[in-house]
PDB file of N, CA and C in Angstrom:
ATOM      1  N   MET A   1    -192.497 229.620  99.043  1.00  0.00           N
ATOM      2  CA  MET A   1    -192.286 228.229  99.793  1.00  0.00           C
ATOM      3  C   MET A   1    -193.362 227.911 100.577  1.00  0.00           C
ATOM      4  N   ASP A   2    -193.690 227.008 101.331  1.00  0.00           N
ATOM      5  CA  ASP A   2    -194.856 226.522 101.857  1.00  0.00           C
ATOM      6  C   ASP A   2    -194.142 226.828 103.528  1.00  0.00           C
ATOM      7  N   SER A   3    -194.825 227.200 104.408  1.00  0.00           N
ATOM      8  CA  SER A   3    -194.251 227.441 105.505  1.00  0.00           C
ATOM      9  C   SER A   3    -194.458 226.598 106.461  1.00  0.00           C
ATOM     10  N   LYS A   4    -195.115 225.693 106.339  1.00  0.00           N
ATOM     11  CA  LYS A   4    -195.559 224.444 107.082  1.00  0.00           C
ATOM     12  C   LYS A   4    -194.377 223.161 106.874  1.00  0.00           C
ATOM     13  N   LYS A   5    -194.431 222.603 107.870  1.00  0.00           N
ATOM     14  CA  LYS A   5    -193.233 221.598 107.849  1.00  0.00           C
ATOM     15  C   LYS A   5    -193.695 220.404 107.358  1.00  0.00           C
ATOM     16  N   TYR A   6    -194.907 219.845 107.427  1.00  0.00           N
ATOM     17  CA  TYR A   6    -195.414 218.827 106.622  1.00  0.00           C
ATOM     18  C   TYR A   6    -196.793 218.899 106.101  1.00  0.00           C
ATOM     19  N   ARG A   7    -196.825 218.069 104.804  1.00  0.00           N
ATOM     20  CA  ARG A   7    -198.060 218.176 104.485  1.00  0.00           C
ATOM     21  C   ARG A   7    -198.701 216.768 104.264  1.00  0.00           C
ATOM     22  N   PHE A   8    -199.946 216.595 104.663  1.00  0.00           N
ATOM     23  CA  PHE A   8    -200.743 215.318 104.431  1.00  0.00           C
ATOM     24  C   PHE A   8    -201.327 215.282 103.064  1.00  0.00           C
ATOM     25  N   ARG A   9    -201.383 214.110 102.202  1.00  0.00           N
ATOM     26  CA  ARG A   9    -201.864 214.033 101.045  1.00  0.00           C
ATOM     27  C   ARG A   9    -202.772 212.926 101.150  1.00  0.00           C
ATOM     28  N   LYS A  10    -203.822 213.040 100.473  1.00  0.00           N
ATOM     29  CA  LYS A  10    -205.050 211.847 100.672  1.00  0.00           C
ATOM     30  C   LYS A  10    -205.091 211.233  99.368  1.00  0.00           C
ATOM     31  N   MET A  11    -204.621 210.010  99.300  1.00  0.00           N
ATOM     32  CA  MET A  11    -204.714 208.847  98.284  1.00  0.00           C
ATOM     33  C   MET A  11    -205.566 207.961  98.490  1.00  0.00           C
ATOM     34  N   PHE A  12    -206.050 207.504  97.590  1.00  0.00           N
ATOM     35  CA  PHE A  12    -207.228 206.270  97.039  1.00  0.00           C
ATOM     36  C   PHE A  12    -206.312 204.870  96.597  1.00  0.00           C
ATOM     37  N   PHE A  13    -206.808 203.981  97.323  1.00  0.00           N
ATOM     38  CA  PHE A  13    -206.380 202.664  97.065  1.00  0.00           C
ATOM     39  C   PHE A  13    -207.369 201.741  96.883  1.00  0.00           C
ATOM     40  N   GLN A  14    -207.245 200.600  95.735  1.00  0.00           N
ATOM     41  CA  GLN A  14    -208.105 199.679  95.451  1.00  0.00           C
ATOM     42  C   GLN A  14    -207.963 198.618  96.585  1.00  0.00           C
ATOM     43  N   CYS A  15    -208.767 198.151  97.442  1.00  0.00           N
ATOM     44  CA  CYS A  15    -208.515 197.484  98.326  1.00  0.00           C
ATOM     45  C   CYS A  15    -209.547 196.162  97.890  1.00  0.00           C
ATOM     46  N   THR A  16    -208.921 194.715  98.081  1.00  0.00           N
ATOM     47  CA  THR A  16    -209.501 193.795  98.091  1.00  0.00           C
ATOM     48  C   THR A  16    -209.678 193.097  99.234  1.00  0.00           C
ATOM     49  N   ASN A  17    -210.933 192.871  99.615  1.00  0.00           N
ATOM     50  CA  ASN A  17    -211.282 192.186 100.955  1.00  0.00           C
ATOM     51  C   ASN A  17    -210.850 193.279 102.082  1.00  0.00           C
ATOM     52  N   LYS A  18    -210.880 194.435 101.961  1.00  0.00           N
ATOM     53  CA  LYS A  18    -210.492 195.551 102.760  1.00  0.00           C
ATOM     54  C   LYS A  18    -208.879 195.584 103.007  1.00  0.00           C
ATOM     55  N   LYS A  19    -208.363 194.769 102.183  1.00  0.00           N
ATOM     56  CA  LYS A  19    -206.509 194.944 102.384  1.00  0.00           C
ATOM     57  C   LYS A  19    -206.188 195.739 101.281  1.00  0.00           C
ATOM     58  N   VAL A  20    -205.171 197.154 101.718  1.00  0.00           N
ATOM     59  CA  VAL A  20    -204.553 197.578 100.726  1.00  0.00           C
ATOM     60  C   VAL A  20    -203.486 196.973  99.864  1.00  0.00           C
ATOM     61  N   ILE A  21    -203.067 195.881 100.621  1.00  0.00           N
ATOM     62  CA  ILE A  21    -201.889 195.344  99.873  1.00  0.00           C
ATOM     63  C   ILE A  21    -201.846 193.824 100.338  1.00  0.00           C
ATOM     64  N   GLU A  22    -202.039 192.810  99.624  1.00  0.00           N
ATOM     65  CA  GLU A  22    -201.613 191.530 100.294  1.00  0.00           C
ATOM     66  C   GLU A  22    -200.105 191.371 100.530  1.00  0.00           C
ATOM     67  N   ALA A  23    -199.883 190.093 101.577  1.00  0.00           N
ATOM     68  CA  ALA A  23    -198.718 189.952 101.779  1.00  0.00           C
ATOM     69  C   ALA A  23    -197.861 189.223 101.000  1.00  0.00           C
ATOM     70  N   ASN A  24    -198.416 188.788  99.811  1.00  0.00           N
ATOM     71  CA  ASN A  24    -197.663 188.297  98.643  1.00  0.00           C
ATOM     72  C   ASN A  24    -197.598 189.126  97.570  1.00  0.00           C
ATOM     73  N   VAL A  25    -197.928 190.591  97.820  1.00  0.00           N
ATOM     74  CA  VAL A  25    -197.664 191.435  96.743  1.00  0.00           C
ATOM     75  C   VAL A  25    -196.816 192.442  97.127  1.00  0.00           C
ATOM     76  N   ARG A  26    -195.705 193.109  96.337  1.00  0.00           N
ATOM     77  CA  ARG A  26    -194.818 193.848  96.836  1.00  0.00           C
ATOM     78  C   ARG A  26    -195.195 195.454  96.081  1.00  0.00           C
ATOM     79  N   MET A  27    -196.196 195.730  95.715  1.00  0.00           N
ATOM     80  CA  MET A  27    -196.653 196.856  94.938  1.00  0.00           C
ATOM     81  C   MET A  27    -197.930 197.241  94.918  1.00  0.00           C
ATOM     82  N   THR A  28    -198.423 198.348  94.791  1.00  0.00           N
ATOM     83  CA  THR A  28    -200.045 198.856  94.430  1.00  0.00           C
ATOM     84  C   THR A  28    -199.956 199.718  93.952  1.00  0.00           C
ATOM     85  N   ASN A  29    -201.188 199.881  93.306  1.00  0.00           N
ATOM     86  CA  ASN A  29    -201.470 201.441  92.719  1.00  0.00           C
ATOM     87  C   ASN A  29    -202.290 202.349  93.702  1.00  0.00           C
ATOM     88  N   ALA A  30    -201.867 203.704  93.508  1.00  0.00           N
ATOM     89  CA  ALA A  30    -202.250 204.612  94.342  1.00  0.00           C
ATOM     90  C   ALA A  30    -202.936 205.832  93.414  1.00  0.00           C
ATOM     91  N   TYR A  31    -204.033 206.118  93.655  1.00  0.00           N
ATOM     92  CA  TYR A  31    -204.829 207.146  92.893  1.00  0.00           C
ATOM     93  C   TYR A  31    -204.924 208.780  93.574  1.00  0.00           C
ATOM     94  N   GLN A  32    -204.524 209.882  92.749  1.00  0.00           N
ATOM     95  CA  GLN A  32    -204.965 211.067  93.537  1.00  0.00           C
ATOM     96  C   GLN A  32    -206.630 211.354  93.677  1.00  0.00           C
ATOM     97  N   HIS A  33    -207.348 210.718  92.550  1.00  0.00           N
ATOM     98  CA  HIS A  33    -208.940 210.845  92.793  1.00  0.00           C
ATOM     99  C   HIS A  33    -209.474 209.734  92.932  1.00  0.00           C
ATOM    100  N   ARG A  34    -210.623 209.671  93.687  1.00  0.00           N
ATOM    101  CA  ARG A  34    -211.208 208.351  94.050  1.00  0.00           C
ATOM    102  C   ARG A  34    -211.742 208.128  92.746  1.00  0.00           C
ATOM    103  N   GLU A  35    -212.499 208.887  91.842  1.00  0.00           N
ATOM    104  CA  GLU A  35    -213.258 208.521  90.411  1.00  0.00           C
ATOM    105  C   GLU A  35    -212.271 207.592  89.582  1.00  0.00           C
ATOM    106  N   ASP A  36    -210.961 207.713  89.439  1.00  0.00           N
ATOM    107  CA  ASP A  36    -209.888 207.113  88.710  1.00  0.00           C
ATOM    108  C   ASP A  36    -209.899 205.705  89.415  1.00  0.00           C
ATOM    109  N   ALA A  37    -209.602 205.571  90.645  1.00  0.00           N
ATOM    110  CA  ALA A  37    -209.718 204.216  91.072  1.00  0.00           C
ATOM    111  C   ALA A  37    -210.929 203.656  91.216  1.00  0.00           C
ATOM    112  N   GLU A  38    -212.102 204.102  90.957  1.00  0.00           N
ATOM    113  CA  GLU A  38    -213.417 203.659  90.949  1.00  0.00           C
ATOM    114  C   GLU A  38    -213.694 202.938  89.517  1.00  0.00           C
ATOM    115  N   GLN A  39    -213.428 203.773  88.679  1.00  0.00           N
ATOM    116  CA  GLN A  39    -213.359 203.426  87.022  1.00  0.00           C
ATOM    117  C   GLN A  39    -212.700 202.278  86.715  1.00  0.00           C
ATOM    118  N   ASN A  40    -211.206 202.133  87.338  1.00  0.00           N
ATOM    119  CA  ASN A  40    -210.165 201.131  87.273  1.00  0.00           C
ATOM    120  C   ASN A  40    -210.853 199.718  87.825  1.00  0.00           C
ATOM    121  N   ILE A  41    -211.756 199.767  89.168  1.00  0.00           N
ATOM    122  CA  ILE A  41    -212.351 198.576  89.721  1.00  0.00           C
ATOM    123  C   ILE A  41    -213.402 198.537  88.840  1.00  0.00           C
ATOM    124  N   PHE A  42    -214.275 199.044  88.171  1.00  0.00           N
ATOM    125  CA  PHE A  42    -215.336 199.039  87.239  1.00  0.00           C
ATOM    126  C   PHE A  42    -215.021 198.197  85.768  1.00  0.00           C
ATOM    127  N   ASP A  43    -213.791 198.688  85.208  1.00  0.00           N
ATOM    128  CA  ASP A  43    -213.139 198.125  84.163  1.00  0.00           C
ATOM    129  C   ASP A  43    -212.761 196.813  84.480  1.00  0.00           C
ATOM    130  N   ARG A  44    -212.010 196.257  85.659  1.00  0.00           N
ATOM    131  CA  ARG A  44    -211.725 195.010  85.899  1.00  0.00           C
ATOM    132  C   ARG A  44    -212.924 194.233  85.926  1.00  0.00           C
ATOM    133  N   ALA A  45    -213.897 194.534  86.625  1.00  0.00           N
ATOM    134  CA  ALA A  45    -215.224 193.733  87.024  1.00  0.00           C
ATOM    135  C   ALA A  45    -215.628 193.470  85.799  1.00  0.00           C
ATOM    136  N   ILE A  46    -215.700 194.175  84.483  1.00  0.00           N
ATOM    137  CA  ILE A  46    -216.409 193.981  83.280  1.00  0.00           C
ATOM    138  C   ILE A  46    -215.372 192.553  82.659  1.00  0.00           C
ATOM    139  N   ARG A  47    -214.098 192.876  82.710  1.00  0.00           N
ATOM    140  CA  ARG A  47    -213.168 191.938  82.128  1.00  0.00           C
ATOM    141  C   ARG A  47    -213.231 190.357  82.865  1.00  0.00           C
ATOM    142  N   LYS A  48    -213.856 190.707  84.290  1.00  0.00           N
ATOM    143  CA  LYS A  48    -213.891 189.255  85.073  1.00  0.00           C
ATOM    144  C   LYS A  48    -215.042 188.676  84.639  1.00  0.00           C
ATOM    145  N   GLU A  49    -216.079 189.322  84.089  1.00  0.00           N
ATOM    146  CA  GLU A  49    -217.375 188.548  83.703  1.00  0.00           C
ATOM    147  C   GLU A  49    -217.055 187.014  82.810  1.00  0.00           C
ATOM    148  N   TRP A  50    -216.141 187.137  82.380  1.00  0.00           N
ATOM    149  CA  TRP A  50    -215.771 185.899  81.426  1.00  0.00           C
ATOM    150  C   TRP A  50    -214.918 184.789  82.029  1.00  0.00           C
ATOM    151  N   GLU A  51    -214.552 185.078  83.474  1.00  0.00           N
ATOM    152  CA  GLU A  51    -213.583 184.165  84.299  1.00  0.00           C
ATOM    153  C   GLU A  51    -214.459 183.224  84.788  1.00  0.00           C
ATOM    154  N   PRO A  52    -214.010 181.987  85.245  1.00  0.00           N
ATOM    155  CA  PRO A  52    -215.047 181.004  85.877  1.00  0.00           C
ATOM    156  C   PRO A  52    -215.589 181.304  87.153  1.00  0.00           C
ATOM    157  N   LYS A  53    -216.723 180.859  87.511  1.00  0.00           N
ATOM    158  CA  LYS A  53    -217.842 181.545  88.504  1.00  0.00           C
ATOM    159  C   LYS A  53    -217.192 180.294  89.814  1.00  0.00           C
ATOM    160  N   ASP A  54    -216.443 179.614  89.984  1.00  0.00           N
ATOM    161  CA  ASP A  54    -216.417 178.682  90.692  1.00  0.00           C
ATOM    162  C   ASP A  54    -215.745 179.396  91.926  1.00  0.00           C
ATOM    163  N   LYS A  55    -214.725 180.466  91.831  1.00  0.00           N
ATOM    164  CA  LYS A  55    -214.189 180.831  93.017  1.00  0.00           C
ATOM    165  C   LYS A  55    -214.676 181.869  93.613  1.00  0.00           C
ATOM    166  N   PRO A  56    -214.743 182.246  95.084  1.00  0.00           N
ATOM    167  CA  PRO A  56    -215.454 183.268  95.617  1.00  0.00           C
ATOM    168  C   PRO A  56    -214.985 184.436  95.152  1.00  0.00           C
ATOM    169  N   VAL A  57    -215.967 185.297  94.835  1.00  0.00           N
ATOM    170  CA  VAL A  57    -215.678 186.763  94.188  1.00  0.00           C
ATOM    171  C   VAL A  57    -215.035 187.904  95.415  1.00  0.00           C
ATOM    172  N   PRO A  58    -213.834 188.173  95.306  1.00  0.00           N
ATOM    173  CA  PRO A  58    -213.476 189.049  96.223  1.00  0.00           C
ATOM    174  C   PRO A  58    -214.024 190.540  96.191  1.00  0.00           C
ATOM    175  N   VAL A  59    -214.350 190.968  97.304  1.00  0.00           N
ATOM    176  CA  VAL A  59    -214.986 192.525  97.414  1.00  0.00           C
ATOM    177  C   VAL A  59    -213.673 193.452  97.153  1.00  0.00           C
ATOM    178  N   GLU A  60    -214.153 194.297  95.953  1.00  0.00           N
ATOM    179  CA  GLU A  60    -213.143 195.205  95.877  1.00  0.00           C
ATOM    180  C   GLU A  60    -213.736 196.692  96.194  1.00  0.00           C
ATOM    181  N   THR A  61    -213.092 197.353  97.001  1.00  0.00           N
ATOM    182  CA  THR A  61    -213.515 199.019  97.298  1.00  0.00           C
ATOM    183  C   THR A  61    -212.250 199.642  97.025  1.00  0.00           C
ATOM    184  N   VAL A  62    -212.900 201.136  97.104  1.00  0.00           N
ATOM    185  CA  VAL A  62    -211.858 202.241  97.163  1.00  0.00           C
ATOM    186  C   VAL A  62    -211.847 202.497  98.456  1.00  0.00           C
ATOM    187  N   GLU A  63    -210.646 202.614  98.950  1.00  0.00           N
ATOM    188  CA  GLU A  63    -210.445 203.421 100.343  1.00  0.00           C
ATOM    189  C   GLU A  63    -209.516 204.443 100.079  1.00  0.00           C
ATOM    190  N   GLY A  64    -210.026 205.778 100.864  1.00  0.00           N
ATOM    191  CA  GLY A  64    -208.881 206.873 101.300  1.00  0.00           C
ATOM    192  C   GLY A  64    -208.156 206.907 102.433  1.00  0.00           C
ATOM    193  N   PHE A  65    -206.886 207.145 102.167  1.00  0.00           N
ATOM    194  CA  PHE A  65    -206.086 207.153 103.460  1.00  0.00           C
ATOM    195  C   PHE A  65    -204.880 208.611 103.088  1.00  0.00           C
ATOM    196  N   TYR A  66    -204.605 208.870 104.258  1.00  0.00           N
ATOM    197  CA  TYR A  66    -203.739 210.426 104.417  1.00  0.00           C
ATOM    198  C   TYR A  66    -202.301 209.693 104.587  1.00  0.00           C
ATOM    199  N   LEU A  67    -201.587 209.988 103.559  1.00  0.00           N
ATOM    200  CA  LEU A  67    -199.945 209.698 103.542  1.00  0.00           C
ATOM    201  C   LEU A  67    -199.361 210.844 104.313  1.00  0.00           C
ATOM    202  N   VAL A  68    -198.249 210.401 105.089  1.00  0.00           N
ATOM    203  CA  VAL A  68    -197.462 211.244 105.920  1.00  0.00           C
ATOM    204  C   VAL A  68    -195.965 211.042 105.375  1.00  0.00           C
ATOM    205  N   HIS A  69    -195.255 211.949 105.450  1.00  0.00           N
ATOM    206  CA  HIS A  69    -193.738 211.769 105.362  1.00  0.00           C
ATOM    207  C   HIS A  69    -193.192 210.854 106.354  1.00  0.00           C
ATOM    208  N   GLU A  70    -192.396 209.658 105.960  1.00  0.00           N
ATOM    209  CA  GLU A  70    -191.700 209.178 106.932  1.00  0.00           C
ATOM    210  C   GLU A  70    -191.065 209.841 108.207  1.00  0.00           C
ATOM    211  N   SER A  71    -190.273 211.149 108.013  1.00  0.00           N
ATOM    212  CA  SER A  71    -189.907 211.860 109.108  1.00  0.00           C
ATOM    213  C   SER A  71    -190.999 212.131 110.006  1.00  0.00           C
ATOM    214  N   LEU A  72    -192.030 212.320 109.729  1.00  0.00           N
ATOM    215  CA  LEU A  72    -193.056 212.916 110.460  1.00  0.00           C
ATOM    216  C   LEU A  72    -193.816 211.458 111.278  1.00  0.00           C
ATOM    217  N   PHE A  73    -193.564 210.533 110.326  1.00  0.00           N
ATOM    218  CA  PHE A  73    -193.757 209.452 111.336  1.00  0.00           C
ATOM    219  C   PHE A  73    -192.839 209.069 112.597  1.00  0.00           C
ATOM    220  N   GLU A  74    -191.584 208.991 112.009  1.00  0.00           N
ATOM    221  CA  GLU A  74    -190.553 208.881 113.259  1.00  0.00           C
ATOM    222  C   GLU A  74    -190.646 209.806 114.116  1.00  0.00           C
ATOM    223  N   GLU A  75    -190.831 211.123 113.952  1.00  0.00           N
ATOM    224  CA  GLU A  75    -190.732 211.902 114.821  1.00  0.00           C
ATOM    225  C   GLU A  75    -191.981 212.249 115.801  1.00  0.00           C
ATOM    226  N   ILE A  76    -193.103 211.827 115.418  1.00  0.00           N
ATOM    227  CA  ILE A  76    -194.593 212.019 115.888  1.00  0.00           C
ATOM    228  C   ILE A  76    -195.294 210.677 116.323  1.00  0.00           C
ATOM    229  N   LEU A  77    -195.528 209.917 115.075  1.00  0.00           N
ATOM    230  CA  LEU A  77    -196.653 209.003 115.300  1.00  0.00           C
ATOM    231  C   LEU A  77    -195.942 207.494 115.358  1.00  0.00           C
ATOM    232  N   LYS A  78    -194.890 207.508 115.570  1.00  0.00           N
ATOM    233  CA  LYS A  78    -194.168 206.034 115.822  1.00  0.00           C
ATOM    234  C   LYS A  78    -194.344 205.556 117.278  1.00  0.00           C
ATOM    235  N   LYS A  79    -194.658 206.461 118.001  1.00  0.00           N
ATOM    236  CA  LYS A  79    -194.718 206.146 119.500  1.00  0.00           C
ATOM    237  C   LYS A  79    -196.447 205.722 119.741  1.00  0.00           C
ATOM    238  N   HIS A  80    -197.132 205.971 118.683  1.00  0.00           N
ATOM    239  CA  HIS A  80    -198.539 205.644 118.803  1.00  0.00           C
ATOM    240  C   HIS A  80    -198.902 204.358 118.352  1.00  0.00           C
ATOM    241  N   THR A  81    -197.959 203.648 117.707  1.00  0.00           N
ATOM    242  CA  THR A  81    -198.184 202.422 116.856  1.00  0.00           C
ATOM    243  C   THR A  81    -197.943 201.263 117.670  1.00  0.00           C
TER     244      THR A  81
END
């Protein structure tokens, strides 16, 4: 058994215009490996080649975040937000 009370996990998210999730979206995809998230963005970009070009193209990036358990947030981090 792990003797540490908390574990931090780094996850990667596909961000659109530097936002992990839009206000009108209720879920998103998280990836354990940056390469998987980047490949998904690349695949979507290829599919978008056939879409009309009259709309501004959103900037899609992969950003890494450390996830913490909500109990750790309540115990330590909440007072800093």
